[in-house]
Amino acid sequence: MHNKGAANIAEDFTFSNTTNLYHGGNHENGISPIRTLSTTDDLSYAQFYADKTGGKVYTIEMPNDVFNSMKSSQSVWKYNDSWMGINSGTEWRFNAGLSDELNKYIVPAK
């Protein structure tokens, strides 16, 4: 029986301190402070939206503790989203007024 040491076991797993969410749209000047922001944890779903709207895919790389705090305070809501019944996915919708916080974590579109 082989017994791996703790250090080797840790190498077998990838731990992330961030949650990546994606938005397909246009945010050249940052996220709007007066609108809710719809995101998804599915990159391909965000790309679908970007293709349909002529936008780009933006990544929001948010620390897990910030994301969890926003969920606890009901500043972000989880939905099942559908694009005209053609495609569907998980949506994380952020309340309006969070733009200053969200703009800290947005990764420039490529």
Protein backbone atom coordinates (compact mmCIF):
# COMPACT_ATOMS: atom_id res chain seq x y z
CA MET A 1 0.00 0.00 0.00
CA HIS A 2 1.42 3.36 -1.08
CA ASN A 3 1.00 6.25 1.32
CA LYS A 4 1.36 9.66 -0.29
CA GLY A 5 2.71 12.44 1.86
CA ALA A 6 0.53 15.50 2.51
CA ALA A 7 2.62 17.68 0.18
CA ASN A 8 2.11 15.28 -2.72
CA ILE A 9 -1.63 15.04 -2.11
CA ALA A 10 -1.90 18.84 -2.22
CA GLU A 11 -0.21 18.84 -5.63
CA ASP A 12 -3.00 16.63 -6.98
CA PHE A 13 -5.61 19.33 -6.41
CA THR A 14 -5.97 22.86 -7.69
CA PHE A 15 -7.39 25.30 -5.17
CA SER A 16 -8.64 28.63 -6.40
CA ASN A 17 -9.19 31.73 -4.33
CA THR A 18 -11.27 33.34 -7.07
CA THR A 19 -14.52 32.79 -8.91
CA ASN A 20 -14.49 33.54 -12.63
CA LEU A 21 -17.69 34.96 -14.06
CA TYR A 22 -18.19 36.03 -17.65
CA HIS A 23 -20.29 38.65 -19.40
CA GLY A 24 -20.93 38.90 -23.13
CA GLY A 25 -21.52 42.56 -23.98
CA ASN A 26 -19.95 45.98 -24.30
CA HIS A 27 -18.19 47.52 -21.32
CA GLU A 28 -15.40 49.55 -22.89
CA ASN A 29 -15.90 52.26 -20.24
CA GLY A 30 -16.46 49.90 -17.33
CA ILE A 31 -19.59 48.43 -15.80
CA SER A 32 -22.60 50.76 -15.61
CA PRO A 33 -23.52 51.97 -12.11
CA ILE A 34 -27.24 52.21 -12.93
CA ARG A 35 -27.95 48.77 -14.41
CA THR A 36 -27.88 45.25 -13.08
CA LEU A 37 -25.10 43.12 -14.54
CA SER A 38 -25.82 39.64 -15.83
CA THR A 39 -22.92 37.20 -15.75
CA THR A 40 -22.46 33.47 -16.08
CA ASP A 41 -19.95 30.92 -14.86
CA ASP A 42 -20.06 29.30 -18.32
CA LEU A 43 -17.60 30.88 -20.76
CA SER A 44 -19.32 29.36 -23.81
CA TYR A 45 -22.68 30.84 -22.74
CA ALA A 46 -21.10 34.30 -22.40
CA GLN A 47 -19.54 33.86 -25.85
CA PHE A 48 -22.98 32.98 -27.23
CA TYR A 49 -24.32 36.29 -25.89
CA ALA A 50 -21.33 38.25 -27.19
CA ASP A 51 -21.80 36.74 -30.66
CA LYS A 52 -25.53 37.60 -30.65
CA THR A 53 -25.04 41.18 -29.42
CA GLY A 54 -21.83 42.14 -31.20
CA GLY A 55 -19.95 42.46 -27.92
CA LYS A 56 -16.94 40.85 -26.30
CA VAL A 57 -16.55 38.42 -23.45
CA TYR A 58 -15.42 40.06 -20.24
CA THR A 59 -14.07 38.07 -17.31
CA ILE A 60 -14.71 39.09 -13.74
CA GLU A 61 -12.12 37.39 -11.56
CA MET A 62 -13.57 37.93 -8.10
CA PRO A 63 -12.12 36.73 -4.80
CA ASN A 64 -14.30 33.96 -3.37
CA ASP A 65 -14.81 35.78 -0.08
CA VAL A 66 -16.15 38.87 -1.89
CA PHE A 67 -18.45 36.76 -4.10
CA ASN A 68 -19.72 34.76 -1.10
CA SER A 69 -20.32 37.98 0.86
CA MET A 70 -22.34 39.39 -2.05
CA LYS A 71 -24.41 36.21 -2.20
CA SER A 72 -25.03 36.34 1.56
CA SER A 73 -26.12 39.98 1.39
CA GLN A 74 -28.33 39.21 -1.64
CA SER A 75 -26.37 41.62 -3.85
CA VAL A 76 -26.09 38.87 -6.47
CA TRP A 77 -28.80 36.42 -7.48
CA LYS A 78 -28.65 33.08 -9.27
CA TYR A 79 -31.08 32.51 -12.17
CA ASN A 80 -31.67 30.03 -14.94
CA ASP A 81 -31.36 32.17 -18.04
CA SER A 82 -32.57 31.53 -21.58
CA TRP A 83 -31.88 33.34 -24.83
CA MET A 84 -35.23 33.20 -26.64
CA GLY A 85 -35.49 29.51 -25.82
CA ILE A 86 -32.47 28.77 -28.06
CA ASN A 87 -29.78 28.45 -25.42
CA SER A 88 -29.87 28.38 -21.64
CA GLY A 89 -27.42 28.61 -18.77
CA THR A 90 -26.80 29.77 -15.22
CA GLU A 91 -26.88 33.51 -14.70
CA TRP A 92 -25.46 35.44 -11.76
CA ARG A 93 -27.12 38.88 -11.72
CA PHE A 94 -25.51 41.67 -9.70
CA ASN A 95 -27.56 44.52 -8.29
CA ALA A 96 -27.14 47.97 -9.79
CA GLY A 97 -24.76 50.18 -7.86
CA LEU A 98 -21.99 47.57 -7.55
CA SER A 99 -20.00 48.88 -10.51
CA ASP A 100 -17.15 50.32 -8.43
CA GLU A 101 -16.64 46.95 -6.73
CA LEU A 102 -17.08 44.89 -9.93
CA ASN A 103 -14.77 47.12 -11.99
CA LYS A 104 -11.94 46.18 -9.59
CA TYR A 105 -12.09 42.60 -10.79
CA ILE A 106 -12.84 42.91 -14.51
CA VAL A 107 -10.15 41.49 -16.76
CA PRO A 108 -9.76 43.40 -20.02
CA ALA A 109 -11.37 41.70 -23.01
CA LYS A 110 -9.05 40.18 -25.56
